[in-house]
């Protein structure tokens, strides 16, 4: 292997954009084209996928693109704080925007933001304040993109989404990107009175392209096409596995076979245990049965569980939607994560010993 830099180009850190990144161009272009259209057909996109599938990095790349556009303002929010207040505070703290709001006679002094306008009555309601701020942005040819990473159902989030729905109805220039696990996105969409979220487009973080991974590994490590393809096959297109295997292969000076045990252990400790602990008891039973199956046929897995089809199918679909199983081949299911079946066997043995 010929290293072009002393620094490892791959990362073990969740959510940080690595030097070696496989772009999801089609999905990114769809969002960009929609949000920049004269009449946007959609103002919300929900990015969902299993832990480590690249949701945060993908959203960050979109935000970075719009950050460079003069007509877009970017605000990142957390679901653990008063989101409406946080949004107003972030907007009013930017000097250029504060001057726009003062020009528009928006007095936010009651909220403690320090934005006081002489001769203008202070606004007492946060939703009203944001409506006026967004209307001011619209009048100056600006648009607002709000990014929320790893959404968790909360009163703050429900209140924010309810207000966002009003902003959209009033044709204000506001756009929203959300990332979250399947179950959290599902819970949010099922919240009463947030019907606009049913129409929001979901972008599922599908496995990375095997050919693209192969090409990346071949270039970085100067491998034969066969060895690079073997590395790519091991990752199964799982975004975090692509980074982790690349990281340890770099540490082993291009010897990916030595890297695989370390990659498996790292995935197990920092990804798989968290994925496993987020599953229900029934989900875990099904996953364990898949790990024991020799054929991966649905029929055999049902027999291992002693479940009827009516018992089996709902949980099978749950694990497919969560991104843990692939059911594309009729009559079969497979894990989407590299050596996840092995992890289940090892982890189950550990629990039984304890």
Protein backbone atom coordinates (compact mmCIF):
# COMPACT_ATOMS: atom_id res chain seq x y z
CA UNK A 1 0.00 0.00 0.00
CA UNK A 2 1.22 3.51 -0.84
CA UNK A 3 -0.05 6.06 1.64
CA UNK A 4 -0.68 9.51 0.23
CA UNK A 5 -0.97 11.10 3.69
CA UNK A 6 0.10 10.29 7.21
CA UNK A 7 -3.36 10.94 8.59
CA UNK A 8 -5.90 8.12 8.52
CA UNK A 9 -8.53 9.18 5.94
CA UNK A 10 -11.29 7.19 7.64
CA UNK A 11 -13.00 7.95 10.94
CA UNK A 12 -14.45 6.02 13.88
CA UNK A 13 -16.51 9.02 15.04
CA UNK A 14 -20.27 8.99 14.46
CA UNK A 15 -21.64 12.01 12.62
CA UNK A 16 -18.29 13.60 11.67
CA UNK A 17 -17.69 14.01 7.97
CA UNK A 18 -14.65 11.87 7.11
CA UNK A 19 -12.00 12.58 4.49
CA UNK A 20 -13.22 9.54 2.58
CA UNK A 21 -16.95 10.01 2.00
CA UNK A 22 -19.18 8.26 -0.50
CA UNK A 23 -21.76 10.80 -1.60
CA UNK A 24 -25.44 10.01 -2.10
CA UNK A 25 -25.76 12.32 -5.06
CA UNK A 26 -29.25 11.42 -6.26
CA UNK A 27 -30.90 12.05 -2.90
CA UNK A 28 -28.88 15.21 -2.30
CA UNK A 29 -29.76 16.62 -5.71
CA UNK A 30 -33.44 15.87 -5.14
CA UNK A 31 -33.48 17.89 -1.91
CA UNK A 32 -31.46 20.76 -3.36
CA UNK A 33 -33.60 20.97 -6.51
CA UNK A 34 -36.80 20.92 -4.45
CA UNK A 35 -35.74 23.56 -1.91
CA UNK A 36 -34.39 25.91 -4.58
CA UNK A 37 -37.40 25.66 -6.92
CA UNK A 38 -39.47 28.78 -7.50
CA UNK A 39 -42.50 26.91 -6.18
CA UNK A 40 -41.19 24.08 -3.94
CA UNK A 41 -43.25 20.90 -4.08
CA UNK A 42 -41.97 19.91 -0.63
CA UNK A 43 -40.66 21.85 2.36
CA UNK A 44 -39.81 18.89 4.61
CA UNK A 45 -37.60 15.85 4.14
CA UNK A 46 -37.19 13.12 6.74
CA UNK A 47 -33.92 11.20 6.61
CA UNK A 48 -34.16 7.84 8.30
CA UNK A 49 -32.01 4.76 8.68
CA UNK A 50 -30.34 2.47 11.14
CA UNK A 51 -27.66 3.76 13.50
CA UNK A 52 -24.45 4.30 11.55
CA UNK A 53 -26.15 4.48 8.15
CA UNK A 54 -24.88 8.01 7.47
CA UNK A 55 -27.94 10.13 8.30
CA UNK A 56 -26.09 12.90 10.13
CA UNK A 57 -23.26 13.15 7.62
CA UNK A 58 -25.76 13.27 4.75
CA UNK A 59 -27.79 16.06 6.37
CA UNK A 60 -24.59 17.97 7.19
CA UNK A 61 -23.51 17.83 3.56
CA UNK A 62 -26.87 19.31 2.49
CA UNK A 63 -26.61 22.05 5.14
CA UNK A 64 -23.05 22.82 4.02
CA UNK A 65 -24.25 23.29 0.44
CA UNK A 66 -26.99 25.73 1.45
CA UNK A 67 -24.63 27.53 3.86
CA UNK A 68 -22.71 28.67 0.79
CA UNK A 69 -25.82 30.10 -0.88
CA UNK A 70 -26.41 33.80 -0.26
CA UNK A 71 -30.19 33.43 -0.13
CA UNK A 72 -30.27 30.71 2.55
CA UNK A 73 -29.96 30.95 6.33
CA UNK A 74 -29.18 27.75 8.28
CA UNK A 75 -30.31 26.96 11.83
CA UNK A 76 -29.60 23.72 13.70
CA UNK A 77 -31.95 22.86 16.57
CA UNK A 78 -32.05 20.32 19.39
CA UNK A 79 -35.23 18.57 20.51
CA UNK A 80 -34.12 18.83 24.16
CA UNK A 81 -34.76 22.58 24.45
CA UNK A 82 -37.57 25.02 23.66
CA UNK A 83 -37.16 24.86 19.89
CA UNK A 84 -39.17 27.96 18.99
CA UNK A 85 -37.24 30.08 21.46
CA UNK A 86 -33.93 28.57 20.32
CA UNK A 87 -34.75 29.33 16.70
CA UNK A 88 -35.64 32.95 17.44
CA UNK A 89 -32.48 33.35 19.52
CA UNK A 90 -30.24 31.87 16.79
CA UNK A 91 -31.72 34.11 14.10
CA UNK A 92 -31.61 37.31 16.13
CA UNK A 93 -28.01 36.66 17.23
CA UNK A 94 -26.72 36.96 13.65
CA UNK A 95 -25.75 40.59 13.05
CA UNK A 96 -26.95 40.75 9.45
CA UNK A 97 -30.32 39.25 10.33
CA UNK A 98 -30.69 41.40 13.44
CA UNK A 99 -30.35 44.50 11.24
CA UNK A 100 -33.02 43.13 8.89
CA UNK A 101 -35.39 42.54 11.80
CA UNK A 102 -34.77 46.02 13.17
CA UNK A 103 -35.52 47.47 9.74
CA UNK A 104 -38.77 45.48 9.79
CA UNK A 105 -39.64 46.93 13.24
CA UNK A 106 -39.57 43.54 14.99
CA UNK A 107 -39.13 44.19 18.70
CA UNK A 108 -37.99 41.07 20.56
CA UNK A 109 -36.98 42.80 23.79
CA UNK A 110 -39.45 40.82 25.92
CA UNK A 111 -37.58 37.59 25.14
CA UNK A 112 -34.24 38.84 26.41
CA UNK A 113 -32.54 38.70 23.01
CA UNK A 114 -31.45 42.32 23.20
CA UNK A 115 -33.23 43.19 19.95
CA UNK A 116 -35.16 46.31 20.92
CA UNK A 117 -36.69 48.62 18.33
CA UNK A 118 -37.63 52.16 19.28
CA UNK A 119 -41.23 53.02 18.49
CA UNK A 120 -42.28 49.38 17.91
CA UNK A 121 -44.42 47.51 20.42
CA UNK A 122 -42.61 44.45 21.82
CA UNK A 123 -43.93 41.08 20.65
CA UNK A 124 -45.12 38.81 23.47
CA UNK A 125 -45.77 35.55 21.62
CA UNK A 126 -42.88 33.46 20.26
CA UNK A 127 -44.79 31.99 17.31
CA UNK A 128 -45.90 35.48 16.27
CA UNK A 129 -42.32 36.72 16.57
CA UNK A 130 -41.06 33.96 14.27
CA UNK A 131 -43.81 34.62 11.74
CA UNK A 132 -42.68 38.24 11.53
CA UNK A 133 -39.02 37.24 11.33
CA UNK A 134 -39.72 34.78 8.52
CA UNK A 135 -41.84 37.36 6.70
CA UNK A 136 -38.91 39.78 6.99
CA UNK A 137 -36.56 37.17 5.52
CA UNK A 138 -39.02 36.64 2.68
CA UNK A 139 -39.15 40.37 1.97
CA UNK A 140 -35.36 40.44 1.67
CA UNK A 141 -35.17 37.38 -0.61
CA UNK A 142 -33.94 35.02 2.11
CA UNK A 143 -34.96 31.45 2.96
CA UNK A 144 -34.51 29.50 6.19
CA UNK A 145 -33.36 25.88 6.38
CA UNK A 146 -33.82 24.23 9.78
CA UNK A 147 -31.86 21.05 10.55
CA UNK A 148 -32.77 18.71 13.41
CA UNK A 149 -30.56 15.68 13.99
CA UNK A 150 -31.77 12.43 15.63
CA UNK A 151 -35.28 13.56 16.47
CA UNK A 152 -36.85 12.17 19.62
CA UNK A 153 -40.57 12.61 20.36
CA UNK A 154 -40.96 15.45 22.88
CA UNK A 155 -43.37 18.25 23.75
CA UNK A 156 -40.84 20.75 22.39
CA UNK A 157 -40.74 18.94 19.05
CA UNK A 158 -44.50 18.60 18.80
CA UNK A 159 -44.96 22.31 19.54
CA UNK A 160 -42.31 23.24 17.00
CA UNK A 161 -43.85 21.05 14.27
CA UNK A 162 -47.28 22.51 14.95
CA UNK A 163 -45.89 26.01 14.45
CA UNK A 164 -43.90 24.94 11.39
CA UNK A 165 -47.14 23.70 9.85
CA UNK A 166 -48.57 27.18 10.27
CA UNK A 167 -45.49 28.78 8.68
CA UNK A 168 -45.88 26.50 5.66
CA UNK A 169 -49.59 27.34 5.32
CA UNK A 170 -48.71 31.03 5.35
CA UNK A 171 -46.26 30.40 2.49
CA UNK A 172 -43.25 31.54 4.46
CA UNK A 173 -39.79 30.57 3.10
CA UNK A 174 -38.97 27.88 5.66
CA UNK A 175 -37.59 24.39 5.02
CA UNK A 176 -36.94 21.47 7.33
CA UNK A 177 -34.54 18.51 7.35
CA UNK A 178 -34.97 15.85 10.04
CA UNK A 179 -32.92 12.76 10.75
CA UNK A 180 -34.03 9.94 13.00
CA UNK A 181 -34.39 6.25 13.60
CA UNK A 182 -37.37 4.60 11.94
CA UNK A 183 -39.39 4.30 15.15
CA UNK A 184 -38.88 7.96 16.10
CA UNK A 185 -39.83 9.24 12.66
CA UNK A 186 -42.86 6.94 12.70
CA UNK A 187 -43.94 8.24 16.12
CA UNK A 188 -43.62 11.83 14.94
CA UNK A 189 -45.65 11.21 11.78
CA UNK A 190 -48.37 9.55 13.86
CA UNK A 191 -48.72 12.57 16.16
CA UNK A 192 -52.30 13.94 16.03
CA UNK A 193 -52.73 17.32 14.31
CA UNK A 194 -49.43 17.04 12.42
CA UNK A 195 -50.97 15.73 9.24
CA UNK A 196 -48.53 17.66 7.02
CA UNK A 197 -45.82 15.20 8.09
CA UNK A 198 -47.69 12.35 6.41
CA UNK A 199 -46.95 14.07 3.11
CA UNK A 200 -43.29 14.65 3.93
CA UNK A 201 -40.91 12.59 1.82
CA UNK A 202 -38.80 10.02 3.63
CA UNK A 203 -35.28 9.35 2.44
CA UNK A 204 -34.05 5.98 3.63
CA UNK A 205 -30.29 5.62 3.97
CA UNK A 206 -29.86 2.57 1.79
CA UNK A 207 -26.59 0.57 1.67
CA UNK A 208 -23.72 2.27 -0.13
CA UNK A 209 -22.94 1.11 -3.64
CA UNK A 210 -20.56 -1.88 -3.59
CA UNK A 211 -18.75 -0.79 -6.73
CA UNK A 212 -18.12 2.68 -5.31
CA UNK A 213 -16.76 1.20 -2.07
CA UNK A 214 -14.54 -1.16 -4.06
CA UNK A 215 -13.17 1.73 -6.10
CA UNK A 216 -12.48 3.76 -2.95
CA UNK A 217 -10.61 0.97 -1.17
CA UNK A 218 -8.64 0.09 -4.29
CA UNK A 219 -7.42 3.67 -4.71
CA UNK A 220 -6.65 4.32 -1.05
CA UNK A 221 -4.86 1.03 -0.33
CA UNK A 222 -3.52 0.22 -3.82
CA UNK A 223 -5.20 -3.18 -3.67
CA UNK A 224 -6.03 -5.65 -6.40
CA UNK A 225 -9.61 -5.44 -7.68
CA UNK A 226 -10.33 -8.78 -6.01
CA UNK A 227 -9.09 -7.70 -2.56
CA UNK A 228 -10.88 -4.35 -2.76
CA UNK A 229 -14.10 -6.14 -3.74
CA UNK A 230 -13.69 -8.54 -0.81
CA UNK A 231 -13.39 -5.58 1.56
CA UNK A 232 -16.46 -3.95 0.07
CA UNK A 233 -18.44 -7.18 0.29
CA UNK A 234 -17.60 -7.50 4.00
CA UNK A 235 -19.04 -4.04 4.76
CA UNK A 236 -22.36 -4.98 3.08
CA UNK A 237 -22.67 -1.29 2.18
CA UNK A 238 -23.17 -0.30 5.83
CA UNK A 239 -21.79 3.24 5.99
CA UNK A 240 -20.21 2.93 9.43
CA UNK A 241 -18.62 -0.42 8.52
CA UNK A 242 -17.10 1.22 5.42
CA UNK A 243 -15.38 3.75 7.69
CA UNK A 244 -14.39 1.29 10.44
CA UNK A 245 -12.90 -1.35 8.12
CA UNK A 246 -11.07 1.38 6.20
CA UNK A 247 -9.73 2.84 9.45
CA UNK A 248 -8.30 -0.42 10.76
CA UNK A 249 -7.00 -1.47 7.35
CA UNK A 250 -5.06 1.79 7.32
CA UNK A 251 -3.73 0.96 10.78
CA UNK A 252 -2.59 -2.44 9.49
CA UNK A 253 -0.88 -0.86 6.47
CA UNK A 254 -3.38 -2.23 3.97
CA UNK A 255 -3.84 -5.74 5.38
CA UNK A 256 -7.63 -5.87 5.52
CA UNK A 257 -7.73 -9.48 6.74
CA UNK A 258 -5.90 -8.46 9.92
CA UNK A 259 -8.24 -5.49 10.22
CA UNK A 260 -11.51 -7.45 10.11
CA UNK A 261 -11.41 -8.76 13.73
CA UNK A 262 -10.80 -5.24 15.06
CA UNK A 263 -13.51 -3.83 12.79
CA UNK A 264 -16.00 -6.44 14.01
CA UNK A 265 -15.19 -5.75 17.67
CA UNK A 266 -15.55 -1.99 17.16
CA UNK A 267 -18.87 -2.33 15.35
CA UNK A 268 -20.11 -4.65 18.08
CA UNK A 269 -19.20 -2.31 20.92
CA UNK A 270 -20.15 1.05 19.43
CA UNK A 271 -23.01 0.21 17.09
CA UNK A 272 -24.48 -3.27 17.41
CA UNK A 273 -25.01 -3.27 21.19
CA UNK A 274 -26.96 -0.02 20.90
CA UNK A 275 -28.98 -1.35 17.97
CA UNK A 276 -29.71 -4.56 19.88
CA UNK A 277 -30.75 -2.78 23.07
CA UNK A 278 -33.22 -0.68 21.07
CA UNK A 279 -35.12 -3.76 19.91
CA UNK A 280 -38.17 -5.16 21.67
CA UNK A 281 -38.06 -8.66 23.16
CA UNK A 282 -39.98 -10.04 20.16
CA UNK A 283 -37.67 -8.24 17.73
CA UNK A 284 -34.70 -9.82 19.49
CA UNK A 285 -36.26 -13.27 19.37
CA UNK A 286 -36.76 -12.96 15.63
CA UNK A 287 -33.23 -11.63 15.04
CA UNK A 288 -31.79 -14.47 17.09
CA UNK A 289 -33.77 -17.00 15.03
CA UNK A 290 -32.41 -15.46 11.82
CA UNK A 291 -28.88 -15.83 13.20
CA UNK A 292 -29.54 -19.54 13.82
CA UNK A 293 -31.11 -20.18 10.42
CA UNK A 294 -29.08 -22.18 7.90
CA UNK A 295 -31.15 -21.23 4.86
CA UNK A 296 -32.52 -17.77 5.72
CA UNK A 297 -35.93 -18.96 4.55
CA UNK A 298 -38.92 -17.43 6.29
CA UNK A 299 -40.41 -20.88 6.73
CA UNK A 300 -37.36 -22.21 8.59
CA UNK A 301 -37.18 -19.11 10.81
CA UNK A 302 -40.86 -19.47 11.74
CA UNK A 303 -40.21 -23.09 12.66
CA UNK A 304 -37.29 -22.11 14.90
CA UNK A 305 -39.57 -19.64 16.67
CA UNK A 306 -42.66 -21.87 16.59
CA UNK A 307 -44.59 -18.84 15.32
CA UNK A 308 -47.49 -18.72 12.89
CA UNK A 309 -47.31 -16.50 9.81
CA UNK A 310 -49.60 -13.99 11.53
CA UNK A 311 -47.19 -13.82 14.47
CA UNK A 312 -44.08 -13.71 12.30
CA UNK A 313 -44.91 -11.25 9.52
CA UNK A 314 -45.44 -8.07 11.62
CA UNK A 315 -42.06 -8.44 13.35
CA UNK A 316 -40.36 -9.36 10.10
CA UNK A 317 -41.66 -6.11 8.59
CA UNK A 318 -40.60 -4.17 11.69
CA UNK A 319 -37.00 -5.31 11.35
CA UNK A 320 -37.05 -4.58 7.61
CA UNK A 321 -38.32 -1.04 8.26
CA UNK A 322 -35.75 -0.55 10.99
CA UNK A 323 -33.06 -1.41 8.43
CA UNK A 324 -31.84 -4.58 10.16
CA UNK A 325 -33.26 -7.13 7.74
CA UNK A 326 -33.46 -7.22 3.96
CA UNK A 327 -36.51 -8.99 2.57
CA UNK A 328 -36.05 -8.21 -1.13
CA UNK A 329 -35.69 -11.88 -2.09
CA UNK A 330 -39.09 -13.54 -1.92
CA UNK A 331 -39.35 -16.06 0.89
CA UNK A 332 -36.03 -15.09 2.50
CA UNK A 333 -34.59 -12.51 4.92
CA UNK A 334 -30.98 -11.50 5.47
CA UNK A 335 -29.18 -9.21 7.88
CA UNK A 336 -28.11 -5.88 6.40
CA UNK A 337 -25.17 -5.47 8.81
CA UNK A 338 -21.82 -7.27 8.47
CA UNK A 339 -21.52 -10.26 10.81
CA UNK A 340 -24.58 -9.17 12.79
CA UNK A 341 -25.63 -12.81 13.16
CA UNK A 342 -22.24 -13.60 14.67
CA UNK A 343 -22.62 -10.64 17.03
CA UNK A 344 -26.00 -11.96 18.22
CA UNK A 345 -24.50 -15.39 18.92
CA UNK A 346 -21.53 -13.96 20.84
CA UNK A 347 -23.61 -11.40 22.72
CA UNK A 348 -26.30 -13.95 23.66
CA UNK A 349 -23.60 -16.27 25.04
CA UNK A 350 -22.18 -13.41 27.10
CA UNK A 351 -25.60 -12.64 28.58
CA UNK A 352 -26.22 -16.30 29.37
CA UNK A 353 -22.87 -16.53 31.17
CA UNK A 354 -23.72 -13.50 33.27
